Amino acid sequence: MNNKSLIRSLLALGAALTLALGAHAAPKVVKKVPPEFPPEAARQSISAGSVRAKMSIDPDGKVSAVEILEAEPRRVFDKAVTRALMEWRFEASGEKQTHEVKLVFKNED
């Protein structure tokens, strides 16, 4: 096998892997609960922030765990996000899944 055909074979393999991995559709949300803006954040004059979190989803669509991946400011909105995301529900898939979301907070008061 010459270099050109080897490269073509590797590119085809890469494309096939991308298609196979991309075939997993994101879990479908059937119930979203927005997080509450924490009163303690307002008391600290924090008016905005964001949290990126990963949910573990059971085969029946219930969220079984929430992991905070990134938060700005740190530890201000984590509890509110965890409480809200634990109430989210997804379409049952029959298998365990994970799903990441980013929630943005803005206090308009």
N, C-alpha and C. Protein backbone atom coordinates (compact mmCIF):
# COMPACT_ATOMS: atom_id res chain seq x y z
N MET A 1 0.86 -1.17 0.00
CA MET A 1 0.00 0.00 0.00
C MET A 1 0.90 1.24 0.00
N ASN A 2 0.68 2.13 -0.97
CA ASN A 2 1.51 3.34 -1.00
C ASN A 2 0.97 4.37 -0.01
N ASN A 3 1.72 5.47 0.17
CA ASN A 3 1.34 6.49 1.16
C ASN A 3 -0.01 7.12 0.87
N LYS A 4 -0.28 7.40 -0.43
CA LYS A 4 -1.55 8.05 -0.77
C LYS A 4 -2.74 7.17 -0.41
N SER A 5 -2.67 5.89 -0.72
CA SER A 5 -3.80 5.01 -0.42
C SER A 5 -3.91 4.78 1.08
N LEU A 6 -2.79 4.77 1.80
CA LEU A 6 -2.82 4.64 3.25
C LEU A 6 -3.51 5.87 3.87
N ILE A 7 -3.14 7.05 3.38
CA ILE A 7 -3.76 8.29 3.88
C ILE A 7 -5.25 8.29 3.59
N ARG A 8 -5.65 7.88 2.37
CA ARG A 8 -7.07 7.82 2.02
C ARG A 8 -7.81 6.84 2.93
N SER A 9 -7.20 5.70 3.20
CA SER A 9 -7.82 4.71 4.08
C SER A 9 -7.99 5.26 5.50
N LEU A 10 -6.97 5.96 6.00
CA LEU A 10 -7.06 6.55 7.34
C LEU A 10 -8.12 7.64 7.40
N LEU A 11 -8.21 8.46 6.35
CA LEU A 11 -9.24 9.50 6.30
C LEU A 11 -10.63 8.88 6.27
N ALA A 12 -10.80 7.82 5.51
CA ALA A 12 -12.10 7.14 5.44
C ALA A 12 -12.46 6.54 6.79
N LEU A 13 -11.46 5.95 7.46
CA LEU A 13 -11.69 5.38 8.79
C LEU A 13 -12.09 6.48 9.78
N GLY A 14 -11.40 7.62 9.72
CA GLY A 14 -11.71 8.75 10.59
C GLY A 14 -13.13 9.25 10.36
N ALA A 15 -13.53 9.34 9.08
CA ALA A 15 -14.89 9.79 8.76
C ALA A 15 -15.92 8.80 9.27
N ALA A 16 -15.64 7.51 9.14
CA ALA A 16 -16.56 6.47 9.61
C ALA A 16 -16.70 6.54 11.14
N LEU A 17 -15.58 6.74 11.83
CA LEU A 17 -15.64 6.85 13.29
C LEU A 17 -16.41 8.08 13.72
N THR A 18 -16.21 9.18 13.02
CA THR A 18 -16.93 10.41 13.33
C THR A 18 -18.43 10.20 13.16
N LEU A 19 -18.83 9.54 12.08
CA LEU A 19 -20.24 9.27 11.85
C LEU A 19 -20.81 8.35 12.93
N ALA A 20 -20.04 7.32 13.28
CA ALA A 20 -20.51 6.35 14.28
C ALA A 20 -20.65 7.03 15.64
N LEU A 21 -19.67 7.84 16.03
CA LEU A 21 -19.73 8.50 17.32
C LEU A 21 -20.78 9.60 17.33
N GLY A 22 -20.96 10.27 16.22
CA GLY A 22 -21.93 11.34 16.12
C GLY A 22 -23.35 10.83 16.01
N ALA A 23 -23.52 9.54 15.77
CA ALA A 23 -24.85 8.97 15.60
C ALA A 23 -25.65 8.98 16.90
N HIS A 24 -24.95 9.07 18.03
CA HIS A 24 -25.62 9.13 19.32
C HIS A 24 -26.25 10.51 19.48
N ALA A 25 -27.54 10.57 19.41
CA ALA A 25 -28.23 11.85 19.52
C ALA A 25 -28.23 12.31 20.98
N ALA A 26 -28.26 13.60 21.17
CA ALA A 26 -28.34 14.14 22.52
C ALA A 26 -29.67 13.72 23.14
N PRO A 27 -29.68 13.42 24.44
CA PRO A 27 -30.93 13.04 25.08
C PRO A 27 -31.96 14.16 24.93
N LYS A 28 -33.22 13.77 24.74
CA LYS A 28 -34.29 14.75 24.54
C LYS A 28 -34.89 15.16 25.89
N VAL A 29 -34.83 16.45 26.17
CA VAL A 29 -35.38 16.98 27.43
C VAL A 29 -36.90 17.01 27.32
N VAL A 30 -37.58 16.46 28.33
CA VAL A 30 -39.04 16.52 28.35
C VAL A 30 -39.54 17.42 29.48
N LYS A 31 -38.67 17.75 30.43
CA LYS A 31 -39.04 18.67 31.52
C LYS A 31 -37.81 19.45 31.94
N LYS A 32 -37.90 20.78 31.84
CA LYS A 32 -36.81 21.66 32.29
C LYS A 32 -37.31 22.47 33.47
N VAL A 33 -36.47 22.58 34.48
CA VAL A 33 -36.77 23.41 35.64
C VAL A 33 -35.67 24.47 35.71
N PRO A 34 -36.04 25.75 35.60
CA PRO A 34 -35.01 26.79 35.66
C PRO A 34 -34.49 26.95 37.09
N PRO A 35 -33.20 27.22 37.24
CA PRO A 35 -32.67 27.43 38.58
C PRO A 35 -33.10 28.79 39.12
N GLU A 36 -33.24 28.87 40.43
CA GLU A 36 -33.58 30.15 41.07
C GLU A 36 -32.29 30.94 41.28
N PHE A 37 -32.40 32.26 41.16
CA PHE A 37 -31.25 33.11 41.45
C PHE A 37 -31.07 33.12 42.96
N PRO A 38 -29.91 32.71 43.46
CA PRO A 38 -29.73 32.60 44.91
C PRO A 38 -29.78 33.97 45.61
N PRO A 39 -30.60 34.10 46.66
CA PRO A 39 -30.66 35.36 47.40
C PRO A 39 -29.30 35.79 47.95
N GLU A 40 -28.48 34.81 48.35
CA GLU A 40 -27.16 35.15 48.90
C GLU A 40 -26.26 35.79 47.83
N ALA A 41 -26.45 35.43 46.56
CA ALA A 41 -25.68 36.06 45.48
C ALA A 41 -26.08 37.53 45.36
N ALA A 42 -27.38 37.79 45.41
CA ALA A 42 -27.87 39.17 45.34
C ALA A 42 -27.35 39.98 46.53
N ARG A 43 -27.34 39.36 47.71
CA ARG A 43 -26.84 40.06 48.90
C ARG A 43 -25.36 40.41 48.77
N GLN A 44 -24.63 39.59 48.01
CA GLN A 44 -23.20 39.84 47.78
C GLN A 44 -22.97 40.73 46.56
N SER A 45 -24.04 41.29 46.02
CA SER A 45 -23.99 42.16 44.82
C SER A 45 -23.47 41.43 43.59
N ILE A 46 -23.71 40.13 43.55
CA ILE A 46 -23.38 39.35 42.35
C ILE A 46 -24.64 39.31 41.49
N SER A 47 -24.55 39.87 40.29
CA SER A 47 -25.75 39.97 39.46
C SER A 47 -25.73 39.05 38.24
N ALA A 48 -24.61 38.37 38.01
CA ALA A 48 -24.53 37.49 36.83
C ALA A 48 -23.51 36.40 37.06
N GLY A 49 -23.66 35.34 36.28
CA GLY A 49 -22.70 34.24 36.34
C GLY A 49 -23.12 33.14 35.40
N SER A 50 -22.33 32.07 35.36
CA SER A 50 -22.67 30.92 34.53
C SER A 50 -22.10 29.66 35.15
N VAL A 51 -22.76 28.56 34.83
CA VAL A 51 -22.34 27.25 35.34
C VAL A 51 -22.46 26.24 34.21
N ARG A 52 -21.40 25.46 34.01
CA ARG A 52 -21.44 24.35 33.06
C ARG A 52 -21.49 23.08 33.90
N ALA A 53 -22.48 22.24 33.62
CA ALA A 53 -22.69 21.05 34.44
C ALA A 53 -22.94 19.83 33.56
N LYS A 54 -22.61 18.67 34.12
CA LYS A 54 -22.87 17.40 33.43
C LYS A 54 -23.85 16.59 34.27
N MET A 55 -24.93 16.14 33.60
CA MET A 55 -25.93 15.32 34.27
C MET A 55 -25.73 13.85 33.90
N SER A 56 -25.90 12.98 34.88
CA SER A 56 -25.98 11.54 34.62
C SER A 56 -27.46 11.22 34.54
N ILE A 57 -27.84 10.55 33.46
CA ILE A 57 -29.26 10.27 33.21
C ILE A 57 -29.48 8.77 33.22
N ASP A 58 -30.42 8.34 34.04
CA ASP A 58 -30.76 6.92 34.13
C ASP A 58 -31.54 6.47 32.89
N PRO A 59 -31.62 5.15 32.67
CA PRO A 59 -32.35 4.65 31.49
C PRO A 59 -33.80 5.12 31.41
N ASP A 60 -34.41 5.44 32.57
CA ASP A 60 -35.81 5.89 32.56
C ASP A 60 -35.95 7.40 32.33
N GLY A 61 -34.83 8.10 32.17
CA GLY A 61 -34.86 9.53 31.87
C GLY A 61 -34.71 10.45 33.07
N LYS A 62 -34.59 9.87 34.28
CA LYS A 62 -34.40 10.69 35.47
C LYS A 62 -32.92 11.03 35.64
N VAL A 63 -32.66 12.24 36.14
CA VAL A 63 -31.29 12.66 36.42
C VAL A 63 -30.88 12.06 37.76
N SER A 64 -29.77 11.33 37.76
CA SER A 64 -29.32 10.67 38.99
C SER A 64 -28.17 11.40 39.66
N ALA A 65 -27.47 12.26 38.92
CA ALA A 65 -26.35 13.00 39.50
C ALA A 65 -26.05 14.23 38.66
N VAL A 66 -25.50 15.25 39.31
CA VAL A 66 -25.08 16.46 38.62
C VAL A 66 -23.66 16.76 39.06
N GLU A 67 -22.80 17.00 38.08
CA GLU A 67 -21.41 17.36 38.36
C GLU A 67 -21.16 18.76 37.81
N ILE A 68 -20.69 19.67 38.66
CA ILE A 68 -20.36 21.02 38.22
C ILE A 68 -18.97 20.96 37.57
N LEU A 69 -18.90 21.33 36.30
CA LEU A 69 -17.64 21.28 35.57
C LEU A 69 -16.90 22.61 35.60
N GLU A 70 -17.68 23.69 35.59
CA GLU A 70 -17.09 25.02 35.50
C GLU A 70 -18.11 26.02 36.04
N ALA A 71 -17.66 26.99 36.82
CA ALA A 71 -18.59 27.98 37.36
C ALA A 71 -17.88 29.32 37.50
N GLU A 72 -18.60 30.37 37.15
CA GLU A 72 -18.08 31.73 37.28
C GLU A 72 -19.18 32.63 37.80
N PRO A 73 -19.08 33.19 38.97
CA PRO A 73 -18.05 32.95 39.98
C PRO A 73 -18.21 31.57 40.61
N ARG A 74 -17.13 31.09 41.16
CA ARG A 74 -17.11 29.74 41.73
C ARG A 74 -18.01 29.61 42.95
N ARG A 75 -18.71 28.49 43.03
CA ARG A 75 -19.54 28.06 44.18
C ARG A 75 -20.69 29.00 44.54
N VAL A 76 -21.03 29.95 43.70
CA VAL A 76 -22.14 30.85 44.01
C VAL A 76 -23.47 30.26 43.55
N PHE A 77 -23.49 29.67 42.35
CA PHE A 77 -24.73 29.17 41.76
C PHE A 77 -24.82 27.64 41.75
N ASP A 78 -23.81 26.96 42.26
CA ASP A 78 -23.74 25.49 42.18
C ASP A 78 -24.96 24.79 42.78
N LYS A 79 -25.37 25.18 43.98
CA LYS A 79 -26.50 24.51 44.64
C LYS A 79 -27.79 24.73 43.87
N ALA A 80 -28.01 25.95 43.38
CA ALA A 80 -29.23 26.25 42.62
C ALA A 80 -29.27 25.43 41.34
N VAL A 81 -28.12 25.31 40.68
CA VAL A 81 -28.05 24.52 39.44
C VAL A 81 -28.30 23.05 39.74
N THR A 82 -27.66 22.53 40.76
CA THR A 82 -27.83 21.11 41.10
C THR A 82 -29.28 20.80 41.44
N ARG A 83 -29.90 21.66 42.27
CA ARG A 83 -31.32 21.45 42.63
C ARG A 83 -32.21 21.44 41.38
N ALA A 84 -32.01 22.40 40.50
CA ALA A 84 -32.85 22.50 39.30
C ALA A 84 -32.62 21.32 38.36
N LEU A 85 -31.37 20.99 38.09
CA LEU A 85 -31.08 19.92 37.12
C LEU A 85 -31.53 18.55 37.62
N MET A 86 -31.56 18.34 38.94
CA MET A 86 -32.05 17.07 39.47
C MET A 86 -33.55 16.89 39.18
N GLU A 87 -34.24 17.99 38.88
CA GLU A 87 -35.67 17.94 38.55
C GLU A 87 -35.93 17.77 37.05
N TRP A 88 -34.88 17.93 36.24
CA TRP A 88 -35.05 17.76 34.79
C TRP A 88 -35.39 16.30 34.48
N ARG A 89 -36.12 16.09 33.40
CA ARG A 89 -36.45 14.75 32.94
C ARG A 89 -36.16 14.67 31.44
N PHE A 90 -35.71 13.49 31.04
CA PHE A 90 -35.39 13.23 29.65
C PHE A 90 -36.24 12.08 29.13
N GLU A 91 -36.37 12.00 27.84
CA GLU A 91 -37.08 10.88 27.23
C GLU A 91 -36.32 9.60 27.58
N ALA A 92 -37.03 8.58 28.03
CA ALA A 92 -36.39 7.31 28.38
C ALA A 92 -35.69 6.73 27.16
N SER A 93 -34.45 6.30 27.36
CA SER A 93 -33.67 5.75 26.24
C SER A 93 -33.35 4.27 26.45
N GLY A 94 -33.56 3.79 27.69
CA GLY A 94 -33.23 2.41 27.98
C GLY A 94 -31.76 2.20 28.31
N GLU A 95 -30.98 3.28 28.32
CA GLU A 95 -29.56 3.17 28.68
C GLU A 95 -29.13 4.41 29.45
N LYS A 96 -28.05 4.24 30.24
CA LYS A 96 -27.51 5.39 30.98
C LYS A 96 -26.87 6.35 29.99
N GLN A 97 -27.04 7.65 30.24
CA GLN A 97 -26.45 8.67 29.36
C GLN A 97 -25.92 9.81 30.20
N THR A 98 -25.16 10.69 29.56
CA THR A 98 -24.76 11.94 30.19
C THR A 98 -25.11 13.07 29.23
N HIS A 99 -25.29 14.25 29.81
CA HIS A 99 -25.62 15.42 28.99
C HIS A 99 -25.06 16.65 29.69
N GLU A 100 -24.40 17.51 28.93
CA GLU A 100 -23.84 18.74 29.49
C GLU A 100 -24.69 19.94 29.10
N VAL A 101 -24.80 20.87 30.03
CA VAL A 101 -25.52 22.12 29.77
C VAL A 101 -24.72 23.28 30.38
N LYS A 102 -24.97 24.45 29.84
CA LYS A 102 -24.42 25.67 30.43
C LYS A 102 -25.60 26.57 30.76
N LEU A 103 -25.70 26.96 32.02
CA LEU A 103 -26.78 27.83 32.48
C LEU A 103 -26.18 29.20 32.80
N VAL A 104 -26.86 30.23 32.32
CA VAL A 104 -26.39 31.60 32.52
C VAL A 104 -27.37 32.32 33.44
N PHE A 105 -26.82 32.99 34.45
CA PHE A 105 -27.61 33.72 35.43
C PHE A 105 -27.49 35.21 35.20
N LYS A 106 -28.61 35.91 35.27
CA LYS A 106 -28.64 37.38 35.23
C LYS A 106 -29.75 37.83 36.15
N ASN A 107 -29.41 38.65 37.11
CA ASN A 107 -30.41 39.20 38.03
C ASN A 107 -30.78 40.57 37.53
N GLU A 108 -32.01 40.72 37.08
CA GLU A 108 -32.46 41.98 36.48
C GLU A 108 -32.96 42.97 37.52
N ASP A 109 -33.03 42.57 38.78
CA ASP A 109 -33.55 43.47 39.83
C ASP A 109 -32.62 44.63 40.10
